[in-house]
Amino acid sequence: MSDPSKSDASGNNGRAKPRATPVVVNPATATAATSSLGRNLMRSLVRKLSVFAVLIAVMAVWGAWQYSRRQAVESESLGDYRIGGRAVTVMVVEPDVALEIGAGLRRDYTVQVARALAKRFEQLGYETREVAARSDEERFGQTTRVSDRHAAAQYQTQTKQSIRDANAPVLRVSLQDLKFDGHTVSEQNYRIELLDPQNLQPSWRATLTWREGRFQSIALLWNLRKNHLPPPLWDSLADLAIARMRKDGVIAAGSTIH
């Protein structure tokens, strides 16, 4: 008798295996598919580049607008006293000094603005002298002891007498306020007042504003590309103050900086 397993094996071996049907690719169809894919990729790239270009343009316009309004001045006349003679006293009102470990450096430029303003008056031909409006005891908050309060009061008396003796117009420069955007200073406001040296009452007042915009660096890069670096804020604010003083008649309109 024959073995069934052998019979099945021989039957399977003798059966013809099916052949794979060849796939015929149309060259025209393949070329069209590749071309369509390339066009889609190109359209997507063009759209992304267009969006990016529009975003850059918007940021540039916004930065230029912020840069154009980075400084401003508002003024008011409070009396008839004006700057006469050829001497000016610049009184600096320095803010409190923070001694806490986490306070960091003071982020105002009151002293720099005052010195830049004094320099402009020297260039106009005036003799200038700088006076601190507050004693060290006041600035450091050391007024708890009687001796410190006495020293602060004595300093104020001596300063007022010195100003009266000089009898020169007084420009008092002080920090009005700082505005923050998170932990970053976004706006600085400085006050300049013209005082009568005999009674120290203001007859003219101006508020100088400096703003820091998020996209101003784009405008700064444009100025650097033109090999032109803008002046620091204290110089810009001093020039702004001098221009407003001329306009308001605080100083002679024809005075020029040498």
Protein backbone atom coordinates (compact mmCIF):
# COMPACT_ATOMS: atom_id res chain seq x y z
CA MET A 1 0.00 0.00 0.00
CA SER A 2 1.17 3.46 -0.75
CA ASP A 3 1.81 6.05 1.96
CA PRO A 4 -0.85 8.84 1.78
CA SER A 5 1.55 11.44 3.04
CA LYS A 6 3.92 10.74 0.19
CA SER A 7 1.07 10.88 -2.29
CA ASP A 8 0.02 14.32 -1.00
CA ALA A 9 3.57 15.57 -1.03
CA SER A 10 4.06 14.44 -4.61
CA GLY A 11 0.76 15.99 -5.62
CA ASN A 12 1.71 19.34 -4.10
CA ASN A 13 5.11 19.29 -5.69
CA GLY A 14 3.64 18.60 -9.07
CA ARG A 15 1.14 21.47 -8.94
CA ALA A 16 2.28 24.68 -10.77
CA LYS A 17 2.84 27.76 -8.54
CA PRO A 18 0.91 30.91 -9.50
CA ARG A 19 3.05 33.58 -11.10
CA ALA A 20 3.12 37.18 -9.75
CA THR A 21 1.32 39.62 -12.01
CA PRO A 22 3.78 42.31 -13.15
CA VAL A 23 2.82 45.89 -12.31
CA VAL A 24 3.02 48.17 -15.26
CA VAL A 25 3.82 51.80 -14.27
CA ASN A 26 2.81 54.51 -16.68
CA PRO A 27 5.73 56.98 -16.90
CA ALA A 28 3.35 59.85 -17.59
CA THR A 29 1.30 59.10 -14.47
CA ALA A 30 4.43 58.85 -12.28
CA THR A 31 5.75 62.12 -13.64
CA ALA A 32 2.40 63.85 -13.00
CA ALA A 33 2.27 62.56 -9.41
CA THR A 34 5.82 63.74 -8.72
CA SER A 35 5.09 67.12 -10.29
CA SER A 36 1.88 67.51 -8.22
CA LEU A 37 3.75 66.64 -5.01
CA GLY A 38 6.46 69.18 -5.85
CA ARG A 39 3.86 71.89 -6.51
CA ASN A 40 2.11 71.18 -3.20
CA LEU A 41 5.39 71.37 -1.31
CA MET A 42 6.26 74.63 -3.08
CA ARG A 43 2.85 76.15 -2.27
CA SER A 44 3.23 75.16 1.38
CA LEU A 45 6.72 76.67 1.52
CA VAL A 46 5.53 79.88 -0.15
CA ARG A 47 2.63 80.19 2.32
CA LYS A 48 4.95 79.72 5.30
CA LEU A 49 7.45 82.23 3.94
CA SER A 50 4.65 84.72 3.26
CA VAL A 51 3.34 84.41 6.82
CA PHE A 52 6.87 84.81 8.17
CA ALA A 53 7.48 87.88 5.99
CA VAL A 54 4.20 89.48 7.13
CA LEU A 55 5.10 88.77 10.75
CA ILE A 56 8.54 90.36 10.32
CA ALA A 57 6.97 93.40 8.62
CA VAL A 58 4.43 93.83 11.43
CA MET A 59 7.17 93.54 14.07
CA ALA A 60 9.32 96.08 12.19
CA VAL A 61 6.44 98.59 11.91
CA TRP A 62 5.51 98.06 15.56
CA GLY A 63 9.14 98.47 16.62
CA ALA A 64 9.52 101.65 14.56
CA TRP A 65 6.34 103.06 16.14
CA GLN A 66 7.61 102.23 19.63
CA TYR A 67 10.99 103.75 18.80
CA SER A 68 9.39 106.95 17.51
CA ARG A 69 7.47 107.46 20.76
CA ARG A 70 10.20 106.27 23.12
CA GLN A 71 10.54 109.77 24.58
CA ALA A 72 8.03 112.49 25.37
CA VAL A 73 7.78 115.73 27.34
CA GLU A 74 4.91 117.60 28.99
CA SER A 75 5.36 120.98 30.65
CA GLU A 76 3.41 123.68 32.48
CA SER A 77 4.14 127.19 33.67
CA LEU A 78 3.44 127.88 37.33
CA GLY A 79 4.81 131.42 37.67
CA ASP A 80 6.68 134.26 36.00
CA TYR A 81 10.19 133.45 37.25
CA ARG A 82 12.61 132.54 34.45
CA ILE A 83 16.31 131.79 34.11
CA GLY A 84 18.38 134.96 34.11
CA GLY A 85 22.07 135.70 34.51
CA ARG A 86 24.75 133.18 33.59
CA ALA A 87 24.64 130.71 36.49
CA VAL A 88 22.39 127.74 37.26
CA THR A 89 22.17 125.43 40.25
CA VAL A 90 21.20 121.83 39.43
CA MET A 91 19.59 120.15 42.43
CA VAL A 92 19.47 116.34 42.26
CA VAL A 93 16.79 114.52 44.24
CA GLU A 94 18.18 111.00 44.47
CA PRO A 95 15.69 108.23 45.35
CA ASP A 96 16.03 106.02 48.40
CA VAL A 97 18.84 103.48 48.38
CA ALA A 98 17.51 99.93 48.83
CA LEU A 99 19.76 97.82 51.04
CA GLU A 100 17.88 94.51 50.76
CA ILE A 101 19.86 91.63 49.25
CA GLY A 102 17.27 91.00 46.55
CA ALA A 103 16.81 94.64 45.60
CA GLY A 104 19.66 94.69 43.10
CA LEU A 105 20.93 97.85 41.46
CA ARG A 106 18.74 100.93 41.31
CA ARG A 107 17.26 101.11 37.83
CA ASP A 108 16.73 104.85 37.47
CA TYR A 109 19.04 107.43 35.87
CA THR A 110 18.23 110.54 37.91
CA VAL A 111 21.87 111.50 38.42
CA GLN A 112 22.76 110.92 34.76
CA VAL A 113 19.82 113.05 33.58
CA ALA A 114 20.85 115.87 35.98
CA ARG A 115 24.47 115.78 34.86
CA ALA A 116 23.50 115.70 31.18
CA LEU A 117 21.27 118.73 31.75
CA ALA A 118 24.08 120.56 33.58
CA LYS A 119 26.40 119.79 30.68
CA ARG A 120 23.93 121.30 28.22
CA PHE A 121 23.79 124.51 30.27
CA GLU A 122 27.59 124.64 30.40
CA GLN A 123 27.60 124.35 26.61
CA LEU A 124 25.14 127.26 26.55
CA GLY A 125 27.66 129.35 28.48
CA TYR A 126 26.23 129.02 32.00
CA GLU A 127 28.18 128.32 35.14
CA THR A 128 26.66 125.30 36.84
CA ARG A 129 26.99 123.61 40.17
CA GLU A 130 25.39 120.40 41.41
CA VAL A 131 23.65 120.13 44.78
CA ALA A 132 22.20 117.01 46.38
CA ALA A 133 18.71 117.68 47.70
CA ARG A 134 18.83 114.89 50.27
CA SER A 135 21.40 113.90 52.83
CA ASP A 136 22.88 110.42 53.00
CA GLU A 137 20.84 109.77 56.14
CA GLU A 138 17.62 110.42 54.24
CA ARG A 139 18.61 108.38 51.19
CA PHE A 140 19.63 105.36 53.24
CA GLY A 141 16.61 105.64 55.53
CA GLN A 142 18.73 106.26 58.60
CA THR A 143 16.43 108.68 60.39
CA THR A 144 15.36 106.57 63.35
CA ARG A 145 17.99 107.95 65.70
CA VAL A 146 17.82 111.51 66.96
CA SER A 147 21.36 112.24 65.81
CA ASP A 148 20.54 111.12 62.26
CA ARG A 149 17.41 113.27 62.14
CA HIS A 150 19.40 116.21 63.42
CA ALA A 151 22.09 115.66 60.74
CA ALA A 152 19.45 115.47 58.00
CA ALA A 153 17.74 118.66 59.18
CA GLN A 154 21.06 120.46 59.42
CA TYR A 155 21.94 119.41 55.88
CA GLN A 156 18.63 120.77 54.57
CA THR A 157 19.19 124.11 56.34
CA GLN A 158 22.72 124.47 54.99
CA THR A 159 21.65 123.53 51.46
CA LYS A 160 18.81 126.06 51.38
CA GLN A 161 21.09 128.80 52.69
CA SER A 162 23.75 127.98 50.13
CA ILE A 163 21.16 128.20 47.34
CA ARG A 164 19.92 131.57 48.59
CA ASP A 165 23.46 132.92 48.82
CA ALA A 166 24.23 131.84 45.25
CA ASN A 167 20.94 133.42 44.08
CA ALA A 168 21.06 131.41 40.86
CA PRO A 169 18.03 129.75 39.25
CA VAL A 170 17.56 126.20 40.52
CA LEU A 171 16.71 123.22 38.32
CA ARG A 172 15.47 120.41 40.51
CA VAL A 173 15.72 116.97 38.84
CA SER A 174 13.91 114.02 40.39
CA LEU A 175 12.48 110.61 39.53
CA GLN A 176 8.70 110.77 39.31
CA ASP A 177 8.00 107.06 38.88
CA LEU A 178 9.00 103.80 37.20
CA LYS A 179 6.55 101.48 35.44
CA PHE A 180 7.28 97.78 35.07
CA ASP A 181 6.40 95.06 32.56
CA GLY A 182 6.98 92.05 34.76
CA HIS A 183 10.48 92.50 36.15
CA THR A 184 11.55 94.85 33.35
CA VAL A 185 11.32 98.64 33.51
CA SER A 186 8.99 99.66 30.66
CA GLU A 187 8.66 103.40 31.37
CA GLN A 188 10.65 105.99 33.28
CA ASN A 189 9.33 109.43 34.19
CA TYR A 190 11.60 112.23 35.38
CA ARG A 191 10.53 115.66 36.64
CA ILE A 192 12.44 118.88 36.07
CA GLU A 193 11.36 122.00 37.97
CA LEU A 194 12.61 125.58 37.80
CA LEU A 195 12.72 127.04 41.32
CA ASP A 196 13.14 130.57 42.58
CA PRO A 197 16.27 130.36 44.79
CA GLN A 198 14.80 132.67 47.45
CA ASN A 199 11.67 130.65 48.24
CA LEU A 200 12.33 127.38 46.33
CA GLN A 201 8.86 127.50 44.79
CA PRO A 202 8.46 126.06 41.28
CA SER A 203 7.61 128.44 38.44
CA TRP A 204 7.93 125.87 35.62
CA ARG A 205 7.68 122.10 35.54
CA ALA A 206 8.29 119.42 32.92
CA THR A 207 7.86 115.65 32.93
CA LEU A 208 10.27 113.70 30.74
CA THR A 209 9.20 110.20 29.72
CA TRP A 210 11.31 107.37 28.36
CA ARG A 211 9.65 104.16 27.20
CA GLU A 212 11.20 100.76 26.53
CA GLY A 213 9.36 98.73 23.86
CA ARG A 214 9.66 95.00 23.22
CA PHE A 215 10.48 95.49 19.53
CA GLN A 216 12.59 98.66 19.72
CA SER A 217 15.69 96.54 19.17
CA ILE A 218 14.65 96.15 15.52
CA ALA A 219 14.83 99.94 15.06
CA LEU A 220 18.13 100.00 16.95
CA LEU A 221 19.55 97.36 14.61
CA TRP A 222 18.44 99.51 11.66
CA ASN A 223 20.34 102.48 13.11
CA LEU A 224 23.39 100.29 13.63
CA ARG A 225 23.15 99.14 10.02
CA LYS A 226 23.41 102.79 9.03
CA ASN A 227 26.42 103.12 11.37
CA HIS A 228 24.46 105.45 13.63
CA LEU A 229 24.12 104.66 17.33
CA PRO A 230 21.41 106.68 19.15
CA PRO A 231 22.46 108.58 22.28
CA PRO A 232 21.71 107.17 25.75
CA LEU A 233 18.40 108.07 27.30
CA TRP A 234 19.79 110.73 29.67
CA ASP A 235 21.32 112.68 26.77
CA SER A 236 18.13 112.37 24.75
CA LEU A 237 16.00 113.55 27.68
CA ALA A 238 18.36 116.47 28.39
CA ASP A 239 18.11 117.62 24.76
CA LEU A 240 14.34 117.25 24.96
CA ALA A 241 14.24 119.38 28.12
CA ILE A 242 16.39 122.14 26.59
CA ALA A 243 14.16 122.27 23.51
CA ARG A 244 11.04 122.56 25.66
CA MET A 245 12.65 125.30 27.82
CA ARG A 246 13.32 127.31 24.67
CA LYS A 247 9.75 126.79 23.50
CA ASP A 248 8.27 127.84 26.86
CA GLY A 249 10.57 130.85 27.22
CA VAL A 250 12.40 129.47 30.26
CA ILE A 251 15.70 130.21 28.50
CA ALA A 252 16.38 132.52 25.57
CA ALA A 253 15.09 131.08 22.31
CA GLY A 254 18.26 132.10 20.47
CA SER A 255 20.68 130.41 22.86
CA THR A 256 22.82 127.79 21.14
CA ILE A 257 24.91 124.92 22.47
CA HIS A 258 28.62 125.23 21.70
